[in-house]
Amino acid sequence: MKSHSGEKPFACDSCDYRAPNKYSLKYHMRVHTGEKRYACDYCDYRSDKRSNINDHTRVHTGERPYACDSCNFRAANLRRLQIHERIHTGERPYACDVCDYKARTAFCLRSHKKTHTDEKLYSCVSCNYKGRTRGDLNKHARRHTGEKMYACGSCDFKAGSSGHLKYHMATHTGEKPYVCHSCGFRSVTKTVLKMHIMRTHTGGAYACSECDFRAVTRSGLRDHTRTHTGEKPY
């Protein structure tokens, strides 16, 4: 009856949280203790939720039980499917407060906001690389380790990043969900579409401060700038 009455007689000793029953309080206490009792059978990942382990394990097994009604995409968990479906609906609920950018996920918005600063907090222990996000660093680190943790559910292919796996999956599904509104060009990934738009329709996004040259990528601009400075790094 306490869950219906709103009564919460069980108090946390570490914060102001109150729970309607002992189980909820015990579960909450893991926030303070850091306890992660559920372990992955394939790697060192641990979680405080069994459901998280089930979702994570599919990274290794390649199982994707959640199917999109609009295309051949399949997801390892319901949340991933819901995010994918925004490709079809166009929904971008997360807005940047600095520019007009809108994102499909809160994570993408956080990553985007770092493009407005030069802050790179995550350093590689094997080289001089610095990343804006921990995800960028983890992706980079796999270049050193050769780890390929993303498995294809249709063949033996394994990828070092979810993006590479997504690109590979298109060889099975033929899915190209990203469409250029200027010419109808279709792409497997947003990055490829963005590159297409800059190369074909708008010109490069990165402008040279010495001449009228514009580059599609930051690295392309850096290479071009050396024609002015005479720098020969290699």
Foldseek 3Di string as FASTA:
>chain_A
DLVVVVDFPAADPPDGDTHSDPVVNVLVCCVVVVDFPAAAPPDGDTHVDPVVNQLVNCQQQQDFPAADPPFGDGHSDPVVNVLVCCLVVVDFPAADPPDGDGHSDPVVNVQVVCVVDPDFDAADPVDGDTHNDVVVNQLVVCVVVVDFRGAHNPDGDTHSDPVVNQQVCCVVGVDFSDADPPPGDTHSDPVVVLLCCCVPPNDAPAADPPDGHHDVDPVVNVVVVCVVVVDDPD
